[in-house]
């Protein structure tokens, strides 16, 4: 019976899953330093529970631990986003009206992303920002391809509605 407490097996699990976990967290956080910390903390918890977790269940364990760690951070980020001041004044040679519209659009886009569920946001960003295919996203999130398609479609619909209101 395989045991995660064996260093060689744990190292193989780390090499296999750390990249996927990092990419998954990237779309929740957007900050590389924090993502690396959460990935490391997740693997530390896996090591601490190596006798309880089978190697086949390590992926689910890691993603759940990382998600739980992110929820607190994500809630905090939403509060910060709501109170964050507009972009600092910069001396630019562009039309001030254009700069105002650009700032409003960016703010509306961020608010629209904030209105998405975690599942919608992850699927949408994996697809539209990183360019992953629906099948790849489904495998990464352990859901069906139809679920991924629905999440992306519903996210796009919400974002489109929010940005249309700006016009």
N, C-alpha and C. Protein backbone atom coordinates (compact mmCIF):
# COMPACT_ATOMS: atom_id res chain seq x y z
N UNK A 1 0.85 -1.18 0.00
CA UNK A 1 0.00 0.00 0.00
C UNK A 1 0.90 1.25 0.00
N UNK A 2 0.60 2.15 -0.90
CA UNK A 2 1.40 3.36 -1.00
C UNK A 2 1.12 4.27 0.18
N UNK A 3 2.16 4.96 0.61
CA UNK A 3 2.05 5.85 1.76
C UNK A 3 2.68 7.19 1.41
N UNK A 4 1.93 8.27 1.59
CA UNK A 4 2.45 9.60 1.28
C UNK A 4 3.59 10.02 2.21
N UNK A 5 3.75 9.34 3.31
CA UNK A 5 4.82 9.68 4.24
C UNK A 5 6.19 9.25 3.71
N UNK A 6 6.20 8.46 2.66
CA UNK A 6 7.46 8.09 2.02
C UNK A 6 7.88 9.28 1.16
N UNK A 7 9.07 9.77 1.42
CA UNK A 7 9.54 11.00 0.80
C UNK A 7 9.50 10.94 -0.74
N UNK A 8 9.85 9.84 -1.30
CA UNK A 8 9.88 9.68 -2.76
C UNK A 8 8.47 9.81 -3.35
N UNK A 9 7.49 9.21 -2.70
CA UNK A 9 6.10 9.28 -3.17
C UNK A 9 5.56 10.70 -3.00
N UNK A 10 5.85 11.31 -1.87
CA UNK A 10 5.40 12.69 -1.62
C UNK A 10 6.00 13.64 -2.66
N UNK A 11 7.26 13.45 -2.96
CA UNK A 11 7.93 14.30 -3.95
C UNK A 11 7.29 14.14 -5.32
N UNK A 12 6.92 12.91 -5.69
CA UNK A 12 6.27 12.66 -6.98
C UNK A 12 4.90 13.36 -7.01
N UNK A 13 4.16 13.30 -5.92
CA UNK A 13 2.86 13.97 -5.84
C UNK A 13 3.06 15.47 -5.95
N UNK A 14 4.07 16.00 -5.29
CA UNK A 14 4.36 17.44 -5.36
C UNK A 14 4.66 17.86 -6.80
N UNK A 15 5.52 17.12 -7.47
CA UNK A 15 5.88 17.47 -8.85
C UNK A 15 4.67 17.38 -9.77
N UNK A 16 3.82 16.42 -9.52
CA UNK A 16 2.66 16.21 -10.40
C UNK A 16 1.58 17.27 -10.18
N UNK A 17 1.35 17.69 -8.94
CA UNK A 17 0.18 18.53 -8.63
C UNK A 17 0.48 20.00 -8.36
N UNK A 18 1.73 20.34 -8.06
CA UNK A 18 2.01 21.73 -7.66
C UNK A 18 1.70 22.72 -8.78
N UNK A 19 2.01 22.38 -10.01
CA UNK A 19 1.73 23.28 -11.13
C UNK A 19 0.24 23.52 -11.33
N UNK A 20 -0.54 22.43 -11.28
CA UNK A 20 -1.99 22.56 -11.43
C UNK A 20 -2.59 23.38 -10.29
N UNK A 21 -2.13 23.13 -9.09
CA UNK A 21 -2.64 23.87 -7.93
C UNK A 21 -2.27 25.34 -8.05
N UNK A 22 -1.05 25.63 -8.48
CA UNK A 22 -0.61 27.01 -8.65
C UNK A 22 -1.49 27.72 -9.69
N UNK A 23 -1.72 27.09 -10.84
CA UNK A 23 -2.55 27.70 -11.88
C UNK A 23 -3.97 27.92 -11.40
N UNK A 24 -4.51 26.96 -10.67
CA UNK A 24 -5.85 27.09 -10.13
C UNK A 24 -5.94 28.30 -9.20
N UNK A 25 -4.97 28.45 -8.32
CA UNK A 25 -4.98 29.55 -7.36
C UNK A 25 -4.70 30.90 -8.01
N UNK A 26 -3.97 30.88 -9.10
CA UNK A 26 -3.64 32.14 -9.77
C UNK A 26 -4.91 32.92 -10.14
N UNK A 27 -5.93 32.22 -10.56
CA UNK A 27 -7.16 32.88 -10.99
C UNK A 27 -8.03 33.31 -9.83
N UNK A 28 -7.74 32.84 -8.68
CA UNK A 28 -8.46 33.31 -7.49
C UNK A 28 -7.76 34.51 -6.87
N UNK A 29 -6.43 34.51 -6.89
CA UNK A 29 -5.66 35.56 -6.23
C UNK A 29 -5.11 36.60 -7.19
N UNK A 30 -4.39 36.18 -8.18
CA UNK A 30 -3.74 37.11 -9.09
C UNK A 30 -2.42 37.63 -8.56
N UNK A 31 -2.01 37.23 -7.37
CA UNK A 31 -0.75 37.69 -6.79
C UNK A 31 0.18 36.49 -6.67
N UNK A 32 1.28 36.52 -7.38
CA UNK A 32 2.18 35.37 -7.43
C UNK A 32 2.76 35.00 -6.06
N UNK A 33 3.10 35.98 -5.23
CA UNK A 33 3.69 35.68 -3.94
C UNK A 33 2.72 34.93 -3.04
N UNK A 34 1.49 35.39 -2.99
CA UNK A 34 0.50 34.73 -2.13
C UNK A 34 0.16 33.34 -2.64
N UNK A 35 0.12 33.17 -3.94
CA UNK A 35 -0.19 31.86 -4.51
C UNK A 35 0.88 30.85 -4.11
N UNK A 36 2.11 31.23 -4.26
CA UNK A 36 3.20 30.31 -3.90
C UNK A 36 3.11 29.94 -2.42
N UNK A 37 2.76 30.90 -1.57
CA UNK A 37 2.61 30.62 -0.14
C UNK A 37 1.49 29.63 0.12
N UNK A 38 0.34 29.84 -0.53
CA UNK A 38 -0.80 28.94 -0.32
C UNK A 38 -0.48 27.54 -0.83
N UNK A 39 0.20 27.44 -1.97
CA UNK A 39 0.58 26.12 -2.49
C UNK A 39 1.49 25.42 -1.48
N UNK A 40 2.49 26.14 -0.97
CA UNK A 40 3.40 25.53 0.00
C UNK A 40 2.67 25.13 1.27
N UNK A 41 1.78 26.00 1.77
CA UNK A 41 1.03 25.68 2.98
C UNK A 41 0.14 24.46 2.77
N UNK A 42 -0.43 24.33 1.58
CA UNK A 42 -1.27 23.17 1.28
C UNK A 42 -0.45 21.88 1.32
N UNK A 43 0.75 21.92 0.76
CA UNK A 43 1.60 20.74 0.78
C UNK A 43 2.12 20.44 2.19
N UNK A 44 2.33 21.47 2.99
CA UNK A 44 2.72 21.25 4.38
C UNK A 44 1.59 20.51 5.11
N UNK A 45 0.35 20.95 4.90
CA UNK A 45 -0.79 20.28 5.54
C UNK A 45 -0.92 18.84 5.04
N UNK A 46 -0.64 18.63 3.74
CA UNK A 46 -0.68 17.27 3.20
C UNK A 46 0.38 16.42 3.90
N UNK A 47 1.58 16.97 4.09
CA UNK A 47 2.65 16.22 4.77
C UNK A 47 2.26 15.92 6.21
N UNK A 48 1.63 16.89 6.88
CA UNK A 48 1.21 16.68 8.27
C UNK A 48 0.14 15.60 8.37
N UNK A 49 -0.63 15.42 7.31
CA UNK A 49 -1.70 14.43 7.29
C UNK A 49 -1.37 13.26 6.36
N UNK A 50 -0.10 13.01 6.12
CA UNK A 50 0.30 12.01 5.13
C UNK A 50 -0.19 10.60 5.47
N UNK A 51 -0.35 10.30 6.75
CA UNK A 51 -0.81 8.97 7.14
C UNK A 51 -2.32 8.80 6.91
N UNK A 52 -3.04 9.91 6.88
CA UNK A 52 -4.50 9.87 6.74
C UNK A 52 -4.96 9.95 5.29
N UNK A 53 -4.11 10.51 4.40
CA UNK A 53 -4.51 10.75 3.02
C UNK A 53 -3.82 9.75 2.09
N UNK A 54 -4.62 9.07 1.29
CA UNK A 54 -4.08 8.15 0.30
C UNK A 54 -3.53 8.95 -0.88
N UNK A 55 -2.52 8.45 -1.57
CA UNK A 55 -1.98 9.18 -2.72
C UNK A 55 -3.03 9.50 -3.79
N UNK A 56 -4.02 8.62 -3.96
CA UNK A 56 -5.07 8.85 -4.96
C UNK A 56 -5.97 10.02 -4.55
N UNK A 57 -6.04 10.31 -3.27
CA UNK A 57 -6.92 11.37 -2.76
C UNK A 57 -6.16 12.68 -2.51
N UNK A 58 -4.86 12.69 -2.80
CA UNK A 58 -4.04 13.87 -2.51
C UNK A 58 -4.50 15.09 -3.28
N UNK A 59 -4.88 14.93 -4.54
CA UNK A 59 -5.33 16.06 -5.36
C UNK A 59 -6.54 16.73 -4.73
N UNK A 60 -7.55 15.96 -4.40
CA UNK A 60 -8.74 16.52 -3.78
C UNK A 60 -8.44 17.20 -2.46
N UNK A 61 -7.59 16.58 -1.66
CA UNK A 61 -7.20 17.14 -0.37
C UNK A 61 -6.51 18.49 -0.56
N UNK A 62 -5.54 18.54 -1.47
CA UNK A 62 -4.79 19.77 -1.71
C UNK A 62 -5.69 20.90 -2.21
N UNK A 63 -6.55 20.59 -3.17
CA UNK A 63 -7.41 21.63 -3.72
C UNK A 63 -8.41 22.13 -2.68
N UNK A 64 -8.89 21.23 -1.84
CA UNK A 64 -9.82 21.65 -0.80
C UNK A 64 -9.13 22.51 0.26
N UNK A 65 -7.95 22.11 0.68
CA UNK A 65 -7.19 22.89 1.66
C UNK A 65 -6.87 24.28 1.09
N UNK A 66 -6.41 24.31 -0.15
CA UNK A 66 -6.06 25.59 -0.78
C UNK A 66 -7.30 26.47 -0.92
N UNK A 67 -8.41 25.87 -1.30
CA UNK A 67 -9.65 26.64 -1.45
C UNK A 67 -10.08 27.23 -0.11
N UNK A 68 -10.00 26.44 0.94
CA UNK A 68 -10.37 26.94 2.27
C UNK A 68 -9.46 28.08 2.71
N UNK A 69 -8.18 27.98 2.41
CA UNK A 69 -7.25 29.05 2.75
C UNK A 69 -7.57 30.30 1.95
N UNK A 70 -7.97 30.11 0.70
CA UNK A 70 -8.26 31.24 -0.17
C UNK A 70 -9.55 31.95 0.21
N UNK A 71 -10.53 31.23 0.70
CA UNK A 71 -11.82 31.86 0.99
C UNK A 71 -11.67 33.04 1.94
N UNK A 72 -10.89 32.88 2.98
CA UNK A 72 -10.67 33.99 3.91
C UNK A 72 -9.96 35.14 3.21
N UNK A 73 -8.94 34.82 2.44
CA UNK A 73 -8.21 35.86 1.72
C UNK A 73 -9.11 36.53 0.68
N UNK A 74 -9.91 35.73 0.01
CA UNK A 74 -10.76 36.26 -1.05
C UNK A 74 -11.83 37.20 -0.48
N UNK A 75 -12.39 36.84 0.66
CA UNK A 75 -13.36 37.72 1.32
C UNK A 75 -12.70 39.05 1.67
N UNK A 76 -11.50 38.99 2.17
CA UNK A 76 -10.76 40.20 2.51
C UNK A 76 -10.50 41.05 1.26
N UNK A 77 -10.12 40.39 0.16
CA UNK A 77 -9.85 41.11 -1.08
C UNK A 77 -11.09 41.82 -1.62
N UNK A 78 -12.26 41.22 -1.43
CA UNK A 78 -13.50 41.87 -1.87
C UNK A 78 -13.73 43.16 -1.10
N UNK A 79 -13.49 43.14 0.19
CA UNK A 79 -13.65 44.34 1.00
C UNK A 79 -12.66 45.41 0.54
N UNK A 80 -11.43 45.01 0.32
CA UNK A 80 -10.41 45.96 -0.13
C UNK A 80 -10.79 46.53 -1.49
N UNK A 81 -11.29 45.68 -2.38
CA UNK A 81 -11.67 46.13 -3.72
C UNK A 81 -12.78 47.18 -3.65
N UNK A 82 -13.74 46.98 -2.76
CA UNK A 82 -14.85 47.92 -2.63
C UNK A 82 -14.40 49.28 -2.12
N UNK A 83 -13.38 49.32 -1.31
CA UNK A 83 -12.92 50.57 -0.72
C UNK A 83 -11.65 51.14 -1.36
N UNK A 84 -11.16 50.44 -2.33
CA UNK A 84 -9.92 50.89 -2.97
C UNK A 84 -10.17 52.17 -3.75
N UNK A 85 -9.27 53.09 -3.63
CA UNK A 85 -9.45 54.35 -4.34
C UNK A 85 -9.15 54.16 -5.82
N UNK A 86 -9.62 55.14 -6.58
CA UNK A 86 -9.38 55.11 -8.02
C UNK A 86 -7.88 55.17 -8.29
N UNK A 87 -7.56 54.90 -9.52
CA UNK A 87 -6.14 54.91 -9.91
C UNK A 87 -5.52 56.25 -9.55
N UNK A 88 -4.25 56.20 -9.14
CA UNK A 88 -3.58 57.44 -8.77
C UNK A 88 -3.46 58.35 -9.98
N UNK A 89 -3.46 59.64 -9.71
CA UNK A 89 -3.36 60.61 -10.80
C UNK A 89 -1.98 60.51 -11.43
N UNK A 90 -1.99 60.33 -12.72
CA UNK A 90 -0.73 60.26 -13.46
C UNK A 90 -0.78 61.31 -14.55
N UNK A 91 0.34 61.87 -14.83
CA UNK A 91 0.42 62.83 -15.91
C UNK A 91 0.55 62.04 -17.20
N UNK A 92 -0.50 62.10 -18.01
CA UNK A 92 -0.49 61.39 -19.27
C UNK A 92 -0.96 62.34 -20.36
N UNK A 93 -0.63 62.01 -21.58
CA UNK A 93 -0.98 62.87 -22.69
C UNK A 93 -2.24 62.40 -23.39
N UNK A 94 -3.03 61.59 -22.73
CA UNK A 94 -4.27 61.13 -23.33
C UNK A 94 -5.41 62.03 -22.88
N UNK A 95 -6.47 61.96 -23.61
CA UNK A 95 -7.68 62.72 -23.34
C UNK A 95 -8.20 62.37 -21.94
N UNK A 96 -8.46 63.35 -21.08
CA UNK A 96 -8.97 63.06 -19.74
C UNK A 96 -10.30 62.31 -19.76
N UNK A 97 -11.12 62.57 -20.73
CA UNK A 97 -12.41 61.86 -20.84
C UNK A 97 -12.17 60.37 -21.10
N UNK A 98 -11.20 60.08 -21.97
CA UNK A 98 -10.86 58.70 -22.26
C UNK A 98 -10.33 58.00 -21.00
N UNK A 99 -9.48 58.69 -20.26
CA UNK A 99 -8.92 58.12 -19.03
C UNK A 99 -10.02 57.81 -18.03
N UNK A 100 -11.00 58.70 -17.93
CA UNK A 100 -12.12 58.48 -17.02
C UNK A 100 -12.95 57.27 -17.46
N UNK A 101 -13.23 57.19 -18.75
CA UNK A 101 -13.99 56.04 -19.26
C UNK A 101 -13.23 54.73 -19.05
N UNK A 102 -11.93 54.78 -19.26
CA UNK A 102 -11.10 53.59 -19.06
C UNK A 102 -11.13 53.14 -17.60
N UNK A 103 -11.03 54.09 -16.69
CA UNK A 103 -11.06 53.77 -15.26
C UNK A 103 -12.44 53.22 -14.87
N UNK A 104 -13.49 53.80 -15.42
CA UNK A 104 -14.84 53.32 -15.13
C UNK A 104 -15.04 51.92 -15.68
N UNK A 105 -14.55 51.67 -16.88
CA UNK A 105 -14.67 50.34 -17.48
C UNK A 105 -13.93 49.30 -16.64
N UNK A 106 -12.70 49.63 -16.25
CA UNK A 106 -11.91 48.71 -15.44
C UNK A 106 -12.60 48.42 -14.11
N UNK A 107 -13.13 49.45 -13.49
CA UNK A 107 -13.83 49.29 -12.22
C UNK A 107 -15.08 48.42 -12.41
N UNK A 108 -15.81 48.65 -13.49
CA UNK A 108 -17.01 47.86 -13.78
C UNK A 108 -16.65 46.40 -14.03
N UNK A 109 -15.55 46.18 -14.74
CA UNK A 109 -15.09 44.83 -15.02
C UNK A 109 -14.71 44.11 -13.72
N UNK A 110 -14.00 44.80 -12.84
CA UNK A 110 -13.61 44.21 -11.55
C UNK A 110 -14.85 43.90 -10.71
N UNK A 111 -15.83 44.80 -10.73
CA UNK A 111 -17.07 44.56 -9.99
C UNK A 111 -17.81 43.36 -10.57
N UNK A 112 -17.82 43.27 -11.91
CA UNK A 112 -18.49 42.14 -12.56
C UNK A 112 -17.81 40.83 -12.17
N UNK A 113 -16.48 40.81 -12.13
CA UNK A 113 -15.76 39.61 -11.69
C UNK A 113 -16.10 39.30 -10.23
N UNK A 114 -16.28 40.34 -9.43
CA UNK A 114 -16.63 40.15 -8.03
C UNK A 114 -18.02 39.55 -7.84
N UNK A 115 -18.91 39.75 -8.80
CA UNK A 115 -20.27 39.22 -8.71
C UNK A 115 -20.37 37.76 -9.13
N UNK A 116 -19.33 37.26 -9.76
CA UNK A 116 -19.33 35.86 -10.18
C UNK A 116 -19.10 34.95 -8.98
N UNK A 117 -19.61 33.74 -9.07
CA UNK A 117 -19.29 32.75 -8.04
C UNK A 117 -17.84 32.32 -8.24
N UNK A 118 -17.27 31.71 -7.24
CA UNK A 118 -15.88 31.24 -7.36
C UNK A 118 -15.73 30.30 -8.56
N UNK A 119 -16.70 29.41 -8.73
CA UNK A 119 -16.63 28.43 -9.81
C UNK A 119 -16.68 29.11 -11.17
N UNK A 120 -17.57 30.10 -11.31
CA UNK A 120 -17.69 30.82 -12.58
C UNK A 120 -16.40 31.59 -12.89
N UNK A 121 -15.88 32.27 -11.89
CA UNK A 121 -14.69 33.10 -12.08
C UNK A 121 -13.50 32.23 -12.49
N UNK A 122 -13.31 31.12 -11.81
CA UNK A 122 -12.17 30.25 -12.12
C UNK A 122 -12.28 29.71 -13.55
N UNK A 123 -13.45 29.19 -13.89
CA UNK A 123 -13.63 28.63 -15.24
C UNK A 123 -13.46 29.72 -16.30
N UNK A 124 -14.04 30.88 -16.07
CA UNK A 124 -13.96 31.99 -17.02
C UNK A 124 -12.51 32.44 -17.23
N UNK A 125 -11.78 32.65 -16.14
CA UNK A 125 -10.41 33.14 -16.25
C UNK A 125 -9.47 32.08 -16.83
N UNK A 126 -9.67 30.82 -16.47
CA UNK A 126 -8.85 29.76 -17.05
C UNK A 126 -9.04 29.72 -18.56
N UNK A 127 -10.29 29.91 -19.01
CA UNK A 127 -10.59 29.85 -20.43
C UNK A 127 -10.16 31.11 -21.17
N UNK A 128 -10.57 32.26 -20.68
CA UNK A 128 -10.37 33.51 -21.42
C UNK A 128 -8.98 34.11 -21.22
N UNK A 129 -8.39 33.96 -20.07
CA UNK A 129 -7.08 34.57 -19.82
C UNK A 129 -5.96 33.61 -20.20
N UNK A 130 -6.04 32.37 -19.71
CA UNK A 130 -4.96 31.43 -20.00
C UNK A 130 -5.17 30.67 -21.30
N UNK A 131 -6.40 30.68 -21.81
CA UNK A 131 -6.68 30.02 -23.08
C UNK A 131 -6.82 28.51 -22.99
N UNK A 132 -7.14 28.01 -21.80
CA UNK A 132 -7.31 26.57 -21.65
C UNK A 132 -8.62 26.13 -22.30
N UNK A 133 -8.63 24.94 -22.83
CA UNK A 133 -9.82 24.36 -23.46
C UNK A 133 -10.78 23.89 -22.36
N UNK A 134 -12.04 23.76 -22.74
CA UNK A 134 -13.06 23.33 -21.77
C UNK A 134 -12.72 21.97 -21.17
N UNK A 135 -12.20 21.07 -21.99
CA UNK A 135 -11.85 19.73 -21.50
C UNK A 135 -10.73 19.80 -20.46
N UNK A 136 -9.72 20.64 -20.70
CA UNK A 136 -8.61 20.79 -19.76
C UNK A 136 -9.11 21.35 -18.43
N UNK A 137 -9.99 22.32 -18.52
CA UNK A 137 -10.53 22.94 -17.30
C UNK A 137 -11.35 21.91 -16.52
N UNK A 138 -12.15 21.13 -17.24
CA UNK A 138 -12.97 20.10 -16.59
C UNK A 138 -12.09 19.10 -15.83
N UNK A 139 -10.99 18.68 -16.44
CA UNK A 139 -10.09 17.74 -15.78
C UNK A 139 -9.43 18.39 -14.56
N UNK A 140 -9.06 19.66 -14.70
CA UNK A 140 -8.39 20.37 -13.61
C UNK A 140 -9.32 20.54 -12.41
N UNK A 141 -10.60 20.81 -12.68
CA UNK A 141 -11.56 21.08 -11.60
C UNK A 141 -12.35 19.85 -11.18
N UNK A 142 -12.11 18.73 -11.84
CA UNK A 142 -12.82 17.48 -11.55
C UNK A 142 -14.34 17.63 -11.71
N UNK A 143 -14.76 18.24 -12.81
CA UNK A 143 -16.17 18.36 -13.16
C UNK A 143 -16.32 17.97 -14.62
N UNK A 144 -17.57 17.88 -15.10
CA UNK A 144 -17.79 17.52 -16.50
C UNK A 144 -17.56 18.73 -17.39
N UNK A 145 -17.36 18.46 -18.66
CA UNK A 145 -17.12 19.53 -19.63
C UNK A 145 -18.37 20.41 -19.76
N UNK A 146 -19.54 19.84 -19.66
CA UNK A 146 -20.79 20.61 -19.73
C UNK A 146 -20.89 21.60 -18.57
N UNK A 147 -20.45 21.21 -17.40
CA UNK A 147 -20.46 22.10 -16.24
C UNK A 147 -19.53 23.28 -16.49
N UNK A 148 -18.36 23.01 -17.06
CA UNK A 148 -17.40 24.07 -17.37
C UNK A 148 -18.01 25.03 -18.40
N UNK A 149 -18.62 24.47 -19.44
CA UNK A 149 -19.24 25.31 -20.47
C UNK A 149 -20.33 26.19 -19.87
N UNK A 150 -21.15 25.64 -18.99
CA UNK A 150 -22.20 26.41 -18.36
C UNK A 150 -21.62 27.53 -17.48
N UNK A 151 -20.58 27.21 -16.73
CA UNK A 151 -19.97 28.22 -15.86
C UNK A 151 -19.39 29.38 -16.68
N UNK A 152 -18.72 29.06 -17.76
CA UNK A 152 -18.13 30.10 -18.61
C UNK A 152 -19.24 30.93 -19.26
N UNK A 153 -20.25 30.26 -19.79
CA UNK A 153 -21.36 30.97 -20.44
C UNK A 153 -22.07 31.89 -19.45
N UNK A 154 -22.38 31.39 -18.26
CA UNK A 154 -23.09 32.22 -17.28
C UNK A 154 -22.21 33.36 -16.79
N UNK A 155 -20.91 33.14 -16.65
CA UNK A 155 -19.99 34.21 -16.25
C UNK A 155 -19.94 35.29 -17.32
N UNK A 156 -19.83 34.87 -18.56
CA UNK A 156 -19.78 35.83 -19.67
C UNK A 156 -21.06 36.65 -19.73
N UNK A 157 -22.17 36.01 -19.49
CA UNK A 157 -23.48 36.70 -19.51
C UNK A 157 -23.54 37.78 -18.43
N UNK A 158 -23.07 37.46 -17.24
CA UNK A 158 -23.07 38.43 -16.12
C UNK A 158 -22.13 39.59 -16.42
N UNK A 159 -20.94 39.29 -16.90
CA UNK A 159 -19.96 40.34 -17.20
C UNK A 159 -20.48 41.24 -18.31
N UNK A 160 -21.05 40.65 -19.33
CA UNK A 160 -21.58 41.42 -20.44
C UNK A 160 -22.69 42.37 -19.97
N UNK A 161 -23.56 41.86 -19.11
CA UNK A 161 -24.66 42.68 -18.59
C UNK A 161 -24.12 43.86 -17.77
N UNK A 162 -23.13 43.60 -16.93
CA UNK A 162 -22.55 44.64 -16.10
C UNK A 162 -21.87 45.72 -16.93
N UNK A 163 -21.15 45.30 -17.95
CA UNK A 163 -20.43 46.28 -18.76
C UNK A 163 -21.39 47.02 -19.69
N UNK A 164 -22.46 46.38 -20.13
CA UNK A 164 -23.47 47.06 -20.96
C UNK A 164 -24.10 48.22 -20.21
N UNK A 165 -24.26 48.08 -18.91
CA UNK A 165 -24.85 49.15 -18.10
C UNK A 165 -23.97 50.39 -18.11
N UNK A 166 -22.70 50.25 -18.38
CA UNK A 166 -21.79 51.39 -18.42
C UNK A 166 -22.10 52.29 -19.62
N UNK A 167 -22.55 51.69 -20.71
CA UNK A 167 -22.87 52.47 -21.90
C UNK A 167 -24.14 53.20 -21.66
